[in-house]
Amino acid sequence: MKKYTDTGKKDTRSGFGAGMTVLGRTNPNVVALCADLIGSLKIQEFIDENPERFFQVGIAEANMMGMAAGLTIGGKIPFTGTFANFSTGRVYDQIRQSIAYSGKNVKICASHAGLTLGEDGATHQILEDIGLMKMLPGMTVINPCDYNQTKAATIAIAEHEGPVYLRFGRPSVANFTPEDQKFEVGKAILLNEGTDVTIIATGHLVWESLLAAEALEAKGISAEVINIHTIKPLDEEAILASVAKTGCVVTAEEHNYYGGLGESVARVLVKNQPAPQEFIATNDTFGESGTPAQLMEKYGLNNKAIEKAVEKVLKRK
């Protein structure tokens, strides 16, 4: 199995901030809007270097989406920033009507997604956002796995025409993808080749999938691991090629299994190449307060849970 090294744990929101700093220096059309969460979004450096290209909206997220839509008309590329819960559920009407319906070139950047928001609890831990956003026609949905990939994705979406939802998180997690990577929207990344089972993961669950694959190898089970950073458009070709070889699949995501990556993968399989599938995702539930590690353990979103799901799906082949 190919080995990956954690070069030092970093939060993916800081990867977003680093990407915004690069865009501030390289793309004069990029502007940033924030709903009173500059520190949480890690965009202070962008603001310091480009004060005339920053708009502090305050706690008025719906207004922020309308302003962003308007800014695109003049050729600007607006990046909105707030927590994932407030980037989607609170402003869904504005996104649908003012951004998605007319294909506005707005980049909706959502931090503190999923259970790993931690102690703030269920009111802030959105687990429905991928489903909400992928259902919007023309909306690209991206969920990178670490600091380096989030930075690369932030830079890349400025060149991608059309609305984008970029999802990232609060906790420090393993940073293992290349620092100089080129991010390609819609292109899955094969992290490890295997023959017995395909593990398809997104976001924080990618590293957990690699840990699971390593443990499975010690048991004589060969796991293929695919990083799906772009949930929409989905790289169907990569999924089908892998499952044709392995014959079964486990999907892993920090999201409700209703509307998430797993359902998208299941749709691809049932239309083209039916295969046994197990889901690592939250089971129709809200979150609760706790540390990220405690919550991922309780809700079955870690490497141990992935390992058990693989053993279960293998029995269904």
C-alpha atoms as a PDB file:
ATOM      1  CA  MET A   1       0.000   0.000   0.000  1.00  0.00           C
ATOM      2  CA  LYS A   2       1.174   3.505  -0.791  1.00  0.00           C
ATOM      3  CA  LYS A   3       2.103   5.383   2.380  1.00  0.00           C
ATOM      4  CA  TYR A   4       1.023   8.962   3.057  1.00  0.00           C
ATOM      5  CA  THR A   5       2.659  11.205   5.629  1.00  0.00           C
ATOM      6  CA  ASP A   6       0.875  13.722   7.800  1.00  0.00           C
ATOM      7  CA  THR A   7       3.211  16.720   7.538  1.00  0.00           C
ATOM      8  CA  GLY A   8       1.569  18.410  10.496  1.00  0.00           C
ATOM      9  CA  LYS A   9      -2.064  18.869  11.422  1.00  0.00           C
ATOM     10  CA  LYS A  10      -3.725  22.024  10.092  1.00  0.00           C
ATOM     11  CA  ASP A  11      -7.290  23.263   9.845  1.00  0.00           C
ATOM     12  CA  THR A  12      -8.815  23.375   6.379  1.00  0.00           C
ATOM     13  CA  ARG A  13     -10.264  26.853   7.010  1.00  0.00           C
ATOM     14  CA  SER A  14      -6.677  28.119   7.179  1.00  0.00           C
ATOM     15  CA  GLY A  15      -6.123  26.531   3.769  1.00  0.00           C
ATOM     16  CA  PHE A  16      -9.012  28.650   2.524  1.00  0.00           C
ATOM     17  CA  GLY A  17      -7.448  31.758   4.048  1.00  0.00           C
ATOM     18  CA  ALA A  18      -4.105  30.980   2.424  1.00  0.00           C
ATOM     19  CA  GLY A  19      -5.819  30.503  -0.926  1.00  0.00           C
ATOM     20  CA  MET A  20      -7.577  33.838  -0.581  1.00  0.00           C
ATOM     21  CA  THR A  21      -4.252  35.544   0.089  1.00  0.00           C
ATOM     22  CA  VAL A  22      -2.900  34.110  -3.170  1.00  0.00           C
ATOM     23  CA  LEU A  23      -5.996  35.232  -5.080  1.00  0.00           C
ATOM     24  CA  GLY A  24      -5.708  38.691  -3.595  1.00  0.00           C
ATOM     25  CA  ARG A  25      -2.246  38.977  -5.108  1.00  0.00           C
ATOM     26  CA  THR A  26      -2.978  37.336  -8.464  1.00  0.00           C
ATOM     27  CA  ASN A  27      -6.596  37.988  -9.461  1.00  0.00           C
ATOM     28  CA  PRO A  28      -7.788  41.612  -9.183  1.00  0.00           C
ATOM     29  CA  ASN A  29     -11.406  40.606  -9.840  1.00  0.00           C
ATOM     30  CA  VAL A  30     -11.659  38.512  -6.671  1.00  0.00           C
ATOM     31  CA  VAL A  31     -13.536  40.225  -3.843  1.00  0.00           C
ATOM     32  CA  ALA A  32     -14.463  38.881  -0.419  1.00  0.00           C
ATOM     33  CA  LEU A  33     -17.614  39.281   1.650  1.00  0.00           C
ATOM     34  CA  CYS A  34     -17.908  38.105   5.252  1.00  0.00           C
ATOM     35  CA  ALA A  35     -20.745  37.875   7.772  1.00  0.00           C
ATOM     36  CA  ASP A  36     -18.822  39.024  10.862  1.00  0.00           C
ATOM     37  CA  LEU A  37     -16.493  36.002  10.992  1.00  0.00           C
ATOM     38  CA  ILE A  38     -13.138  37.284   9.713  1.00  0.00           C
ATOM     39  CA  GLY A  39     -11.127  35.398  12.318  1.00  0.00           C
ATOM     40  CA  SER A  40     -12.997  32.153  11.841  1.00  0.00           C
ATOM     41  CA  LEU A  41     -12.562  32.321   8.053  1.00  0.00           C
ATOM     42  CA  LYS A  42      -8.833  33.190   8.315  1.00  0.00           C
ATOM     43  CA  ILE A  43      -9.028  36.015   5.746  1.00  0.00           C
ATOM     44  CA  GLN A  44      -7.360  38.838   7.667  1.00  0.00           C
ATOM     45  CA  GLU A  45      -4.286  38.800   5.407  1.00  0.00           C
ATOM     46  CA  PHE A  46      -6.475  39.170   2.310  1.00  0.00           C
ATOM     47  CA  ILE A  47      -8.217  42.127   3.959  1.00  0.00           C
ATOM     48  CA  ASP A  48      -4.965  43.789   5.063  1.00  0.00           C
ATOM     49  CA  GLU A  49      -3.564  43.604   1.539  1.00  0.00           C
ATOM     50  CA  ASN A  50      -6.813  44.413  -0.300  1.00  0.00           C
ATOM     51  CA  PRO A  51      -9.036  46.552   1.947  1.00  0.00           C
ATOM     52  CA  GLU A  52     -10.908  48.008  -1.027  1.00  0.00           C
ATOM     53  CA  ARG A  53     -11.897  44.499  -2.140  1.00  0.00           C
ATOM     54  CA  PHE A  54     -13.480  43.424   1.144  1.00  0.00           C
ATOM     55  CA  PHE A  55     -17.063  43.934   2.335  1.00  0.00           C
ATOM     56  CA  GLN A  56     -17.984  43.336   5.972  1.00  0.00           C
ATOM     57  CA  VAL A  57     -21.697  42.573   5.806  1.00  0.00           C
ATOM     58  CA  GLY A  58     -22.280  41.795   9.465  1.00  0.00           C
ATOM     59  CA  ILE A  59     -24.757  39.184  10.640  1.00  0.00           C
ATOM     60  CA  ALA A  60     -26.873  39.584   7.512  1.00  0.00           C
ATOM     61  CA  GLU A  61     -26.137  36.500   5.461  1.00  0.00           C
ATOM     62  CA  ALA A  62     -29.113  36.872   3.115  1.00  0.00           C
ATOM     63  CA  ASN A  63     -27.971  40.378   2.213  1.00  0.00           C
ATOM     64  CA  MET A  64     -24.468  39.025   1.624  1.00  0.00           C
ATOM     65  CA  MET A  65     -25.733  36.566  -0.999  1.00  0.00           C
ATOM     66  CA  GLY A  66     -27.686  39.295  -2.785  1.00  0.00           C
ATOM     67  CA  MET A  67     -24.685  41.615  -2.768  1.00  0.00           C
ATOM     68  CA  ALA A  68     -22.461  38.852  -4.115  1.00  0.00           C
ATOM     69  CA  ALA A  69     -24.876  38.156  -6.955  1.00  0.00           C
ATOM     70  CA  GLY A  70     -24.888  41.848  -7.863  1.00  0.00           C
ATOM     71  CA  LEU A  71     -21.108  42.107  -7.820  1.00  0.00           C
ATOM     72  CA  THR A  72     -20.827  39.457 -10.539  1.00  0.00           C
ATOM     73  CA  ILE A  73     -22.696  41.704 -12.967  1.00  0.00           C
ATOM     74  CA  GLY A  74     -19.746  44.085 -12.973  1.00  0.00           C
ATOM     75  CA  GLY A  75     -17.277  41.280 -13.602  1.00  0.00           C
ATOM     76  CA  LYS A  76     -16.186  40.680 -10.017  1.00  0.00           C
ATOM     77  CA  ILE A  77     -15.679  37.186  -8.592  1.00  0.00           C
ATOM     78  CA  PRO A  78     -17.195  37.309  -5.096  1.00  0.00           C
ATOM     79  CA  PHE A  79     -16.222  34.821  -2.386  1.00  0.00           C
ATOM     80  CA  THR A  80     -18.732  34.798   0.479  1.00  0.00           C
ATOM     81  CA  GLY A  81     -17.634  33.557   3.882  1.00  0.00           C
ATOM     82  CA  THR A  82     -19.498  32.331   6.948  1.00  0.00           C
ATOM     83  CA  PHE A  83     -20.231  29.060   8.742  1.00  0.00           C
ATOM     84  CA  ALA A  84     -21.661  26.260   6.595  1.00  0.00           C
ATOM     85  CA  ASN A  85     -24.964  26.364   8.469  1.00  0.00           C
ATOM     86  CA  PHE A  86     -25.408  30.047   7.662  1.00  0.00           C
ATOM     87  CA  SER A  87     -24.013  29.630   4.130  1.00  0.00           C
ATOM     88  CA  THR A  88     -26.777  27.225   3.130  1.00  0.00           C
ATOM     89  CA  GLY A  89     -29.824  26.665   5.328  1.00  0.00           C
ATOM     90  CA  ARG A  90     -30.239  30.263   6.431  1.00  0.00           C
ATOM     91  CA  VAL A  91     -29.914  31.696   2.904  1.00  0.00           C
ATOM     92  CA  TYR A  92     -31.202  28.920   0.666  1.00  0.00           C
ATOM     93  CA  ASP A  93     -33.859  31.097  -0.942  1.00  0.00           C
ATOM     94  CA  GLN A  94     -31.341  33.804  -1.834  1.00  0.00           C
ATOM     95  CA  ILE A  95     -28.889  31.258  -3.262  1.00  0.00           C
ATOM     96  CA  ARG A  96     -31.566  29.565  -5.333  1.00  0.00           C
ATOM     97  CA  GLN A  97     -33.228  32.686  -6.669  1.00  0.00           C
ATOM     98  CA  SER A  98     -30.365  35.183  -6.973  1.00  0.00           C
ATOM     99  CA  ILE A  99     -27.356  32.954  -7.661  1.00  0.00           C
ATOM    100  CA  ALA A 100     -28.173  29.461  -8.950  1.00  0.00           C
ATOM    101  CA  TYR A 101     -31.192  30.334 -11.104  1.00  0.00           C
ATOM    102  CA  SER A 102     -29.217  32.836 -13.168  1.00  0.00           C
ATOM    103  CA  GLY A 103     -25.879  31.015 -12.944  1.00  0.00           C
ATOM    104  CA  LYS A 104     -24.089  33.840 -11.139  1.00  0.00           C
ATOM    105  CA  ASN A 105     -20.334  33.409 -10.682  1.00  0.00           C
ATOM    106  CA  VAL A 106     -20.452  33.411  -6.863  1.00  0.00           C
ATOM    107  CA  LYS A 107     -18.172  31.252  -4.713  1.00  0.00           C
ATOM    108  CA  ILE A 108     -20.025  30.265  -1.518  1.00  0.00           C
ATOM    109  CA  CYS A 109     -17.311  29.387   0.997  1.00  0.00           C
ATOM    110  CA  ALA A 110     -18.518  27.532   4.055  1.00  0.00           C
ATOM    111  CA  SER A 111     -16.435  26.878   7.145  1.00  0.00           C
ATOM    112  CA  HIS A 112     -17.178  24.864  10.308  1.00  0.00           C
ATOM    113  CA  ALA A 113     -19.080  22.172   8.375  1.00  0.00           C
ATOM    114  CA  GLY A 114     -20.194  18.859   9.865  1.00  0.00           C
ATOM    115  CA  LEU A 115     -19.833  17.350  13.332  1.00  0.00           C
ATOM    116  CA  THR A 116     -16.211  18.426  13.725  1.00  0.00           C
ATOM    117  CA  LEU A 117     -17.365  21.953  14.487  1.00  0.00           C
ATOM    118  CA  GLY A 118     -17.426  20.330  17.908  1.00  0.00           C
ATOM    119  CA  GLU A 119     -18.504  22.052  21.075  1.00  0.00           C
ATOM    120  CA  ASP A 120     -20.885  24.591  19.472  1.00  0.00           C
ATOM    121  CA  GLY A 121     -23.361  21.757  19.081  1.00  0.00           C
ATOM    122  CA  ALA A 122     -26.236  20.746  16.834  1.00  0.00           C
ATOM    123  CA  THR A 123     -27.499  24.225  15.952  1.00  0.00           C
ATOM    124  CA  HIS A 124     -24.223  24.928  14.163  1.00  0.00           C
ATOM    125  CA  GLN A 125     -23.239  21.426  12.966  1.00  0.00           C
ATOM    126  CA  ILE A 126     -24.941  21.258   9.609  1.00  0.00           C
ATOM    127  CA  LEU A 127     -25.075  17.752   8.155  1.00  0.00           C
ATOM    128  CA  GLU A 128     -27.483  18.512   5.307  1.00  0.00           C
ATOM    129  CA  ASP A 129     -25.548  21.132   3.341  1.00  0.00           C
ATOM    130  CA  ILE A 130     -24.109  18.900   0.605  1.00  0.00           C
ATOM    131  CA  GLY A 131     -27.595  17.644  -0.185  1.00  0.00           C
ATOM    132  CA  LEU A 132     -29.061  21.132  -0.214  1.00  0.00           C
ATOM    133  CA  MET A 133     -26.404  22.479  -2.553  1.00  0.00           C
ATOM    134  CA  LYS A 134     -25.998  19.570  -4.961  1.00  0.00           C
ATOM    135  CA  MET A 135     -29.735  19.697  -5.732  1.00  0.00           C
ATOM    136  CA  LEU A 136     -29.414  23.205  -7.160  1.00  0.00           C
ATOM    137  CA  PRO A 137     -29.059  23.092 -10.957  1.00  0.00           C
ATOM    138  CA  GLY A 138     -25.624  24.236 -12.104  1.00  0.00           C
ATOM    139  CA  MET A 139     -24.111  24.341  -8.596  1.00  0.00           C
ATOM    140  CA  THR A 140     -20.638  22.819  -8.260  1.00  0.00           C
ATOM    141  CA  VAL A 141     -20.024  21.224  -4.838  1.00  0.00           C
ATOM    142  CA  ILE A 142     -16.476  20.777  -3.498  1.00  0.00           C
ATOM    143  CA  ASN A 143     -15.351  19.258  -0.186  1.00  0.00           C
ATOM    144  CA  PRO A 144     -11.520  19.077   0.048  1.00  0.00           C
ATOM    145  CA  CYS A 145      -9.716  16.804   2.491  1.00  0.00           C
ATOM    146  CA  ASP A 146      -6.867  18.810   4.035  1.00  0.00           C
ATOM    147  CA  TYR A 147      -5.157  22.206   4.275  1.00  0.00           C
ATOM    148  CA  ASN A 148      -3.159  21.885   1.048  1.00  0.00           C
ATOM    149  CA  GLN A 149      -6.121  20.701  -0.989  1.00  0.00           C
ATOM    150  CA  THR A 150      -8.405  23.417   0.401  1.00  0.00           C
ATOM    151  CA  LYS A 151      -5.867  26.066  -0.539  1.00  0.00           C
ATOM    152  CA  ALA A 152      -5.570  24.617  -4.056  1.00  0.00           C
ATOM    153  CA  ALA A 153      -9.358  24.356  -4.423  1.00  0.00           C
ATOM    154  CA  THR A 154      -9.866  27.966  -3.329  1.00  0.00           C
ATOM    155  CA  ILE A 155      -7.445  29.159  -5.994  1.00  0.00           C
ATOM    156  CA  ALA A 156      -8.923  26.883  -8.662  1.00  0.00           C
ATOM    157  CA  ILE A 157     -12.572  27.866  -8.254  1.00  0.00           C
ATOM    158  CA  ALA A 158     -11.756  31.486  -9.111  1.00  0.00           C
ATOM    159  CA  GLU A 159     -11.111  30.230 -12.660  1.00  0.00           C
ATOM    160  CA  HIS A 160     -14.232  28.058 -12.730  1.00  0.00           C
ATOM    161  CA  GLU A 161     -17.185  29.860 -14.283  1.00  0.00           C
ATOM    162  CA  GLY A 162     -20.455  29.512 -12.384  1.00  0.00           C
ATOM    163  CA  PRO A 163     -21.661  29.110  -8.784  1.00  0.00           C
ATOM    164  CA  VAL A 164     -19.561  26.948  -6.460  1.00  0.00           C
ATOM    165  CA  TYR A 165     -20.117  25.662  -2.932  1.00  0.00           C
ATOM    166  CA  LEU A 166     -16.774  25.123  -1.163  1.00  0.00           C
ATOM    167  CA  ARG A 167     -17.031  23.238   2.141  1.00  0.00           C
ATOM    168  CA  PHE A 168     -14.289  23.103   4.783  1.00  0.00           C
ATOM    169  CA  GLY A 169     -13.872  22.762   8.526  1.00  0.00           C
ATOM    170  CA  ARG A 170     -12.716  23.998  11.891  1.00  0.00           C
ATOM    171  CA  PRO A 171     -10.481  21.287  13.427  1.00  0.00           C
ATOM    172  CA  SER A 172      -6.831  20.614  12.779  1.00  0.00           C
ATOM    173  CA  VAL A 173      -6.601  17.456  10.679  1.00  0.00           C
ATOM    174  CA  ALA A 174      -3.889  15.516   8.893  1.00  0.00           C
ATOM    175  CA  ASN A 175      -2.240  17.459   6.054  1.00  0.00           C
ATOM    176  CA  PHE A 176      -1.015  14.867   3.566  1.00  0.00           C
ATOM    177  CA  THR A 177      -1.712  15.925  -0.023  1.00  0.00           C
ATOM    178  CA  PRO A 178       1.017  17.657  -2.083  1.00  0.00           C
ATOM    179  CA  GLU A 179       1.714  21.298  -1.322  1.00  0.00           C
ATOM    180  CA  ASP A 180       2.107  22.133  -5.009  1.00  0.00           C
ATOM    181  CA  GLN A 181      -0.899  20.152  -6.276  1.00  0.00           C
ATOM    182  CA  LYS A 182      -3.012  21.286  -9.204  1.00  0.00           C
ATOM    183  CA  PHE A 183      -6.682  21.109  -8.289  1.00  0.00           C
ATOM    184  CA  GLU A 184      -8.961  19.883 -11.065  1.00  0.00           C
ATOM    185  CA  VAL A 185     -12.681  20.415 -10.482  1.00  0.00           C
ATOM    186  CA  GLY A 186     -14.648  17.206 -11.037  1.00  0.00           C
ATOM    187  CA  LYS A 187     -11.626  14.880 -11.133  1.00  0.00           C
ATOM    188  CA  ALA A 188     -11.337  12.148  -8.484  1.00  0.00           C
ATOM    189  CA  ILE A 189      -7.919  11.244  -7.089  1.00  0.00           C
ATOM    190  CA  LEU A 190      -6.875   7.604  -6.734  1.00  0.00           C
ATOM    191  CA  LEU A 191      -4.875   7.505  -3.516  1.00  0.00           C
ATOM    192  CA  ASN A 192      -4.337   3.776  -3.203  1.00  0.00           C
ATOM    193  CA  GLU A 193      -4.865   0.901  -5.608  1.00  0.00           C
ATOM    194  CA  GLY A 194      -6.626  -2.205  -4.359  1.00  0.00           C
ATOM    195  CA  THR A 195      -8.486  -5.264  -5.569  1.00  0.00           C
ATOM    196  CA  ASP A 196     -10.998  -6.314  -2.882  1.00  0.00           C
ATOM    197  CA  VAL A 197     -13.048  -3.198  -2.059  1.00  0.00           C
ATOM    198  CA  THR A 198     -13.356   0.437  -3.114  1.00  0.00           C
ATOM    199  CA  ILE A 199     -13.470   3.102  -0.394  1.00  0.00           C
ATOM    200  CA  ILE A 200     -14.810   6.388  -1.753  1.00  0.00           C
ATOM    201  CA  ALA A 201     -14.339   9.256   0.691  1.00  0.00           C
ATOM    202  CA  THR A 202     -14.630  13.016   0.887  1.00  0.00           C
ATOM    203  CA  GLY A 203     -13.421  15.736   3.253  1.00  0.00           C
ATOM    204  CA  HIS A 204     -12.095  14.729   6.661  1.00  0.00           C
ATOM    205  CA  LEU A 205     -12.987  11.078   6.003  1.00  0.00           C
ATOM    206  CA  VAL A 206     -10.300  10.710   3.312  1.00  0.00           C
ATOM    207  CA  TRP A 207      -7.472  10.462   5.853  1.00  0.00           C
ATOM    208  CA  GLU A 208      -9.587   8.128   7.992  1.00  0.00           C
ATOM    209  CA  SER A 209     -10.072   5.934   4.912  1.00  0.00           C
ATOM    210  CA  LEU A 210      -6.323   5.710   4.392  1.00  0.00           C
ATOM    211  CA  LEU A 211      -5.869   4.657   8.010  1.00  0.00           C
ATOM    212  CA  ALA A 212      -8.579   2.039   7.544  1.00  0.00           C
ATOM    213  CA  ALA A 213      -6.950   0.757   4.364  1.00  0.00           C
ATOM    214  CA  GLU A 214      -3.652   0.333   6.203  1.00  0.00           C
ATOM    215  CA  ALA A 215      -5.333  -1.669   8.963  1.00  0.00           C
ATOM    216  CA  LEU A 216      -7.207  -3.774   6.422  1.00  0.00           C
ATOM    217  CA  GLU A 217      -3.985  -4.556   4.578  1.00  0.00           C
ATOM    218  CA  ALA A 218      -2.665  -6.127   7.765  1.00  0.00           C
ATOM    219  CA  LYS A 219      -5.711  -8.426   7.629  1.00  0.00           C
ATOM    220  CA  GLY A 220      -5.045  -9.372   4.016  1.00  0.00           C
ATOM    221  CA  ILE A 221      -7.735  -7.107   2.541  1.00  0.00           C
ATOM    222  CA  SER A 222      -6.713  -4.912  -0.403  1.00  0.00           C
ATOM    223  CA  ALA A 223      -8.611  -1.619  -0.371  1.00  0.00           C
ATOM    224  CA  GLU A 224      -8.695   0.926  -3.178  1.00  0.00           C
ATOM    225  CA  VAL A 225      -9.089   4.473  -1.812  1.00  0.00           C
ATOM    226  CA  ILE A 226     -10.517   7.318  -3.897  1.00  0.00           C
ATOM    227  CA  ASN A 227     -10.620  10.953  -2.820  1.00  0.00           C
ATOM    228  CA  ILE A 228     -13.800  12.550  -4.154  1.00  0.00           C
ATOM    229  CA  HIS A 229     -13.192  16.236  -3.494  1.00  0.00           C
ATOM    230  CA  THR A 230     -15.827  17.269  -6.046  1.00  0.00           C
ATOM    231  CA  ILE A 231     -19.217  15.802  -5.217  1.00  0.00           C
ATOM    232  CA  LYS A 232     -20.869  17.592  -8.114  1.00  0.00           C
ATOM    233  CA  PRO A 233     -20.006  17.079 -10.923  1.00  0.00           C
ATOM    234  CA  LEU A 234     -19.110  13.561  -9.815  1.00  0.00           C
ATOM    235  CA  ASP A 235     -16.296  11.642 -11.500  1.00  0.00           C
ATOM    236  CA  GLU A 236     -18.467   8.711 -12.556  1.00  0.00           C
ATOM    237  CA  GLU A 237     -15.770   7.210 -14.767  1.00  0.00           C
ATOM    238  CA  ALA A 238     -13.345   6.824 -11.858  1.00  0.00           C
ATOM    239  CA  ILE A 239     -16.021   5.275  -9.633  1.00  0.00           C
ATOM    240  CA  LEU A 240     -17.185   2.760 -12.233  1.00  0.00           C
ATOM    241  CA  ALA A 241     -13.654   1.752 -13.205  1.00  0.00           C
ATOM    242  CA  SER A 242     -12.767   1.027  -9.591  1.00  0.00           C
ATOM    243  CA  VAL A 243     -15.926  -0.869  -8.689  1.00  0.00           C
ATOM    244  CA  ALA A 244     -15.649  -2.946 -11.872  1.00  0.00           C
ATOM    245  CA  LYS A 245     -12.372  -4.205 -10.429  1.00  0.00           C
ATOM    246  CA  THR A 246     -13.308  -4.610  -6.752  1.00  0.00           C
ATOM    247  CA  GLY A 247     -17.005  -5.482  -6.923  1.00  0.00           C
ATOM    248  CA  CYS A 248     -18.101  -3.580  -3.813  1.00  0.00           C
ATOM    249  CA  VAL A 249     -17.851  -0.137  -2.260  1.00  0.00           C
ATOM    250  CA  VAL A 250     -17.890   1.790   1.016  1.00  0.00           C
ATOM    251  CA  THR A 251     -18.616   5.521   0.923  1.00  0.00           C
ATOM    252  CA  ALA A 252     -17.427   7.751   3.761  1.00  0.00           C
ATOM    253  CA  GLU A 253     -18.494  11.311   4.530  1.00  0.00           C
ATOM    254  CA  GLU A 254     -19.093  13.717   7.415  1.00  0.00           C
ATOM    255  CA  HIS A 255     -22.712  14.309   6.388  1.00  0.00           C
ATOM    256  CA  ASN A 256     -26.158  12.776   6.657  1.00  0.00           C
ATOM    257  CA  TYR A 257     -26.473   9.756   4.382  1.00  0.00           C
ATOM    258  CA  TYR A 258     -29.639  11.313   2.979  1.00  0.00           C
ATOM    259  CA  GLY A 259     -28.466  13.607   0.187  1.00  0.00           C
ATOM    260  CA  GLY A 260     -24.750  13.058   0.567  1.00  0.00           C
ATOM    261  CA  LEU A 261     -21.886  11.552  -1.399  1.00  0.00           C
ATOM    262  CA  GLY A 262     -23.071   8.012  -0.723  1.00  0.00           C
ATOM    263  CA  GLU A 263     -26.411   8.601  -2.412  1.00  0.00           C
ATOM    264  CA  SER A 264     -24.685  10.130  -5.432  1.00  0.00           C
ATOM    265  CA  VAL A 265     -22.418   7.105  -5.738  1.00  0.00           C
ATOM    266  CA  ALA A 266     -25.379   4.735  -5.330  1.00  0.00           C
ATOM    267  CA  ARG A 267     -27.184   6.491  -8.186  1.00  0.00           C
ATOM    268  CA  VAL A 268     -24.177   5.994 -10.468  1.00  0.00           C
ATOM    269  CA  LEU A 269     -23.910   2.324  -9.556  1.00  0.00           C
ATOM    270  CA  VAL A 270     -27.586   1.456  -9.870  1.00  0.00           C
ATOM    271  CA  LYS A 271     -27.726   3.045 -13.344  1.00  0.00           C
ATOM    272  CA  ASN A 272     -24.542   1.454 -14.647  1.00  0.00           C
ATOM    273  CA  GLN A 273     -23.068  -1.303 -12.537  1.00  0.00           C
ATOM    274  CA  PRO A 274     -24.980  -2.436  -9.426  1.00  0.00           C
ATOM    275  CA  ALA A 275     -22.707  -3.484  -6.556  1.00  0.00           C
ATOM    276  CA  PRO A 276     -22.981  -3.940  -2.776  1.00  0.00           C
ATOM    277  CA  GLN A 277     -22.458  -0.651  -0.928  1.00  0.00           C
ATOM    278  CA  GLU A 278     -22.125   0.352   2.726  1.00  0.00           C
ATOM    279  CA  PHE A 279     -22.472   3.920   3.970  1.00  0.00           C
ATOM    280  CA  ILE A 280     -20.338   5.735   6.534  1.00  0.00           C
ATOM    281  CA  ALA A 281     -22.414   8.823   7.322  1.00  0.00           C
ATOM    282  CA  THR A 282     -24.698  10.130  10.040  1.00  0.00           C
ATOM    283  CA  ASN A 283     -27.975   8.252  10.268  1.00  0.00           C
ATOM    284  CA  ASP A 284     -30.824  10.777   9.939  1.00  0.00           C
ATOM    285  CA  THR A 285     -29.780  12.695  13.024  1.00  0.00           C
ATOM    286  CA  PHE A 286     -28.618  16.055  14.301  1.00  0.00           C
ATOM    287  CA  GLY A 287     -25.302  16.381  16.116  1.00  0.00           C
ATOM    288  CA  GLU A 288     -24.514  17.412  19.675  1.00  0.00           C
ATOM    289  CA  SER A 289     -21.820  19.154  21.683  1.00  0.00           C
ATOM    290  CA  GLY A 290     -18.488  17.398  22.157  1.00  0.00           C
ATOM    291  CA  THR A 291     -14.931  17.310  20.925  1.00  0.00           C
ATOM    292  CA  PRO A 292     -14.472  16.396  17.261  1.00  0.00           C
ATOM    293  CA  ALA A 293     -12.866  13.069  18.182  1.00  0.00           C
ATOM    294  CA  GLN A 294     -15.673  12.181  20.607  1.00  0.00           C
ATOM    295  CA  LEU A 295     -18.332  12.984  18.032  1.00  0.00           C
ATOM    296  CA  MET A 296     -16.669  11.136  15.164  1.00  0.00           C
ATOM    297  CA  GLU A 297     -16.359   8.080  17.417  1.00  0.00           C
ATOM    298  CA  LYS A 298     -19.962   8.220  18.655  1.00  0.00           C
ATOM    299  CA  TYR A 299     -21.469   8.763  15.209  1.00  0.00           C
ATOM    300  CA  GLY A 300     -19.287   6.157  13.503  1.00  0.00           C
ATOM    301  CA  LEU A 301     -17.281   8.463  11.255  1.00  0.00           C
ATOM    302  CA  ASN A 302     -13.721   7.268  11.794  1.00  0.00           C
ATOM    303  CA  ASN A 303     -11.243   4.712  10.504  1.00  0.00           C
ATOM    304  CA  LYS A 304     -12.553   1.971  12.806  1.00  0.00           C
ATOM    305  CA  ALA A 305     -16.079   2.397  11.468  1.00  0.00           C
ATOM    306  CA  ILE A 306     -14.800   2.312   7.879  1.00  0.00           C
ATOM    307  CA  GLU A 307     -12.872  -0.873   8.618  1.00  0.00           C
ATOM    308  CA  LYS A 308     -16.021  -2.556   9.969  1.00  0.00           C
ATOM    309  CA  ALA A 309     -18.069  -1.392   6.976  1.00  0.00           C
ATOM    310  CA  VAL A 310     -15.520  -2.930   4.608  1.00  0.00           C
ATOM    311  CA  GLU A 311     -15.685  -6.258   6.421  1.00  0.00           C
ATOM    312  CA  LYS A 312     -19.487  -6.123   6.209  1.00  0.00           C
ATOM    313  CA  VAL A 313     -19.666  -5.265   2.501  1.00  0.00           C
ATOM    314  CA  LEU A 314     -17.171  -8.003   1.597  1.00  0.00           C
ATOM    315  CA  LYS A 315     -19.632 -10.572   2.924  1.00  0.00           C
ATOM    316  CA  ARG A 316     -22.217  -9.269   0.430  1.00  0.00           C
ATOM    317  CA  LYS A 317     -20.072  -9.759  -2.686  1.00  0.00           C
END
